[in-house]
Amino acid sequence: MLMIIVVMLVIVAVATLVMTFVAYPHRGHDVPRAPWLGEAMTRAVESLPIVDNTEGVPTGPRVVEVGRGPAGAGRGTVGTGEAGRPKGSARAS
């Protein structure tokens, strides 16, 4: 039980440090009431290596259109007919 409490306190402390860094030094502001903490965080981040995108390839998410593909793709699968109903479904009269 004591080990769980200690681990949870460590997790909360790390989360607090991350939130403080993102809220202040990362944006270039001083940490209120603890400028020494902001300076220490800035020094720690500056000492870490930086990985640059030297290939020039975008690293953002890919956009994929759903329901589109090469001609003939999707044979044997259920598509949608008019009004979003599956093809071949009975029409209510």
Protein backbone atom coordinates (compact mmCIF):
# COMPACT_ATOMS: atom_id res chain seq x y z
CA MET A 1 0.00 0.00 0.00
CA LEU A 2 2.83 2.38 0.86
CA MET A 3 4.50 1.67 -2.48
CA ILE A 4 1.32 2.61 -4.38
CA ILE A 5 1.10 5.91 -2.51
CA VAL A 6 4.76 6.72 -3.22
CA VAL A 7 4.40 5.89 -6.91
CA MET A 8 1.23 8.00 -7.20
CA LEU A 9 2.98 10.96 -5.53
CA VAL A 10 5.87 10.66 -7.99
CA ILE A 11 3.42 10.57 -10.91
CA VAL A 12 1.62 13.67 -9.63
CA ALA A 13 4.95 15.49 -9.14
CA VAL A 14 6.12 14.69 -12.68
CA ALA A 15 2.75 15.74 -14.12
CA THR A 16 2.96 19.03 -12.20
CA LEU A 17 6.44 19.71 -13.54
CA VAL A 18 5.33 19.00 -17.12
CA MET A 19 2.29 21.27 -16.79
CA THR A 20 4.42 24.03 -15.26
CA PHE A 21 6.97 23.78 -18.08
CA VAL A 22 4.31 23.87 -20.79
CA ALA A 23 2.50 26.79 -19.16
CA TYR A 24 5.52 29.04 -18.53
CA PRO A 25 9.11 28.40 -19.72
CA HIS A 26 8.05 26.73 -22.98
CA ARG A 27 6.20 29.95 -23.90
CA GLY A 28 9.03 32.18 -22.72
CA HIS A 29 7.42 33.39 -19.48
CA ASP A 30 8.81 33.32 -15.93
CA VAL A 31 7.28 30.93 -13.40
CA PRO A 32 5.51 33.07 -10.78
CA ARG A 33 6.80 32.68 -7.20
CA ALA A 34 9.51 30.25 -8.39
CA PRO A 35 11.77 31.79 -11.04
CA TRP A 36 14.51 29.32 -10.07
CA LEU A 37 12.27 26.47 -11.24
CA GLY A 38 11.79 28.04 -14.67
CA GLU A 39 15.53 28.63 -15.03
CA ALA A 40 16.29 25.03 -14.05
CA MET A 41 13.73 23.71 -16.54
CA THR A 42 15.10 25.90 -19.32
CA ARG A 43 18.67 24.74 -18.65
CA ALA A 44 17.56 21.10 -18.60
CA VAL A 45 15.71 21.41 -21.92
CA GLU A 46 18.60 23.26 -23.58
CA SER A 47 20.95 20.42 -22.64
CA LEU A 48 18.78 17.80 -24.41
CA PRO A 49 19.49 16.92 -28.05
CA ILE A 50 17.09 18.21 -30.72
CA VAL A 51 15.95 16.09 -33.65
CA ASP A 52 15.34 18.16 -36.78
CA ASN A 53 13.34 17.16 -39.81
CA THR A 54 16.23 17.28 -42.27
CA GLU A 55 14.44 15.22 -44.94
CA GLY A 56 11.87 17.93 -45.66
CA VAL A 57 9.09 15.37 -45.38
CA PRO A 58 5.99 16.57 -43.54
CA THR A 59 5.42 14.73 -40.29
CA GLY A 60 1.75 15.61 -39.85
CA PRO A 61 -1.12 13.13 -39.94
CA ARG A 62 -2.10 11.58 -43.25
CA VAL A 63 -5.53 12.35 -44.66
CA VAL A 64 -7.24 9.30 -46.11
CA GLU A 65 -10.54 9.52 -47.98
CA VAL A 66 -12.91 6.80 -46.88
CA GLY A 67 -14.91 5.04 -49.54
CA ARG A 68 -12.61 5.92 -52.43
CA GLY A 69 -10.15 3.62 -54.07
CA PRO A 70 -8.91 2.36 -57.41
CA ALA A 71 -11.43 1.26 -60.04
CA GLY A 72 -12.87 -2.13 -59.21
CA ALA A 73 -11.87 -1.94 -55.57
CA GLY A 74 -14.44 -3.09 -53.10
CA ARG A 75 -16.03 -5.83 -55.17
CA GLY A 76 -17.73 -8.34 -52.99
CA THR A 77 -18.24 -5.84 -50.18
CA VAL A 78 -21.40 -4.10 -49.12
CA GLY A 79 -21.51 -0.50 -50.29
CA THR A 80 -24.14 2.12 -49.67
CA GLY A 81 -27.03 2.79 -51.98
CA GLU A 82 -29.32 5.78 -52.05
CA ALA A 83 -30.03 7.54 -48.77
CA GLY A 84 -27.22 5.70 -47.02
CA ARG A 85 -28.92 2.29 -47.04
CA PRO A 86 -26.78 -0.73 -47.85
CA LYS A 87 -27.14 -1.87 -51.46
CA GLY A 88 -29.62 -4.63 -51.89
CA SER A 89 -31.60 -3.83 -48.74
CA ALA A 90 -35.35 -3.91 -48.97
CA ARG A 91 -37.11 -0.60 -49.30
CA ALA A 92 -40.00 0.09 -46.95
CA SER A 93 -43.17 1.05 -48.85
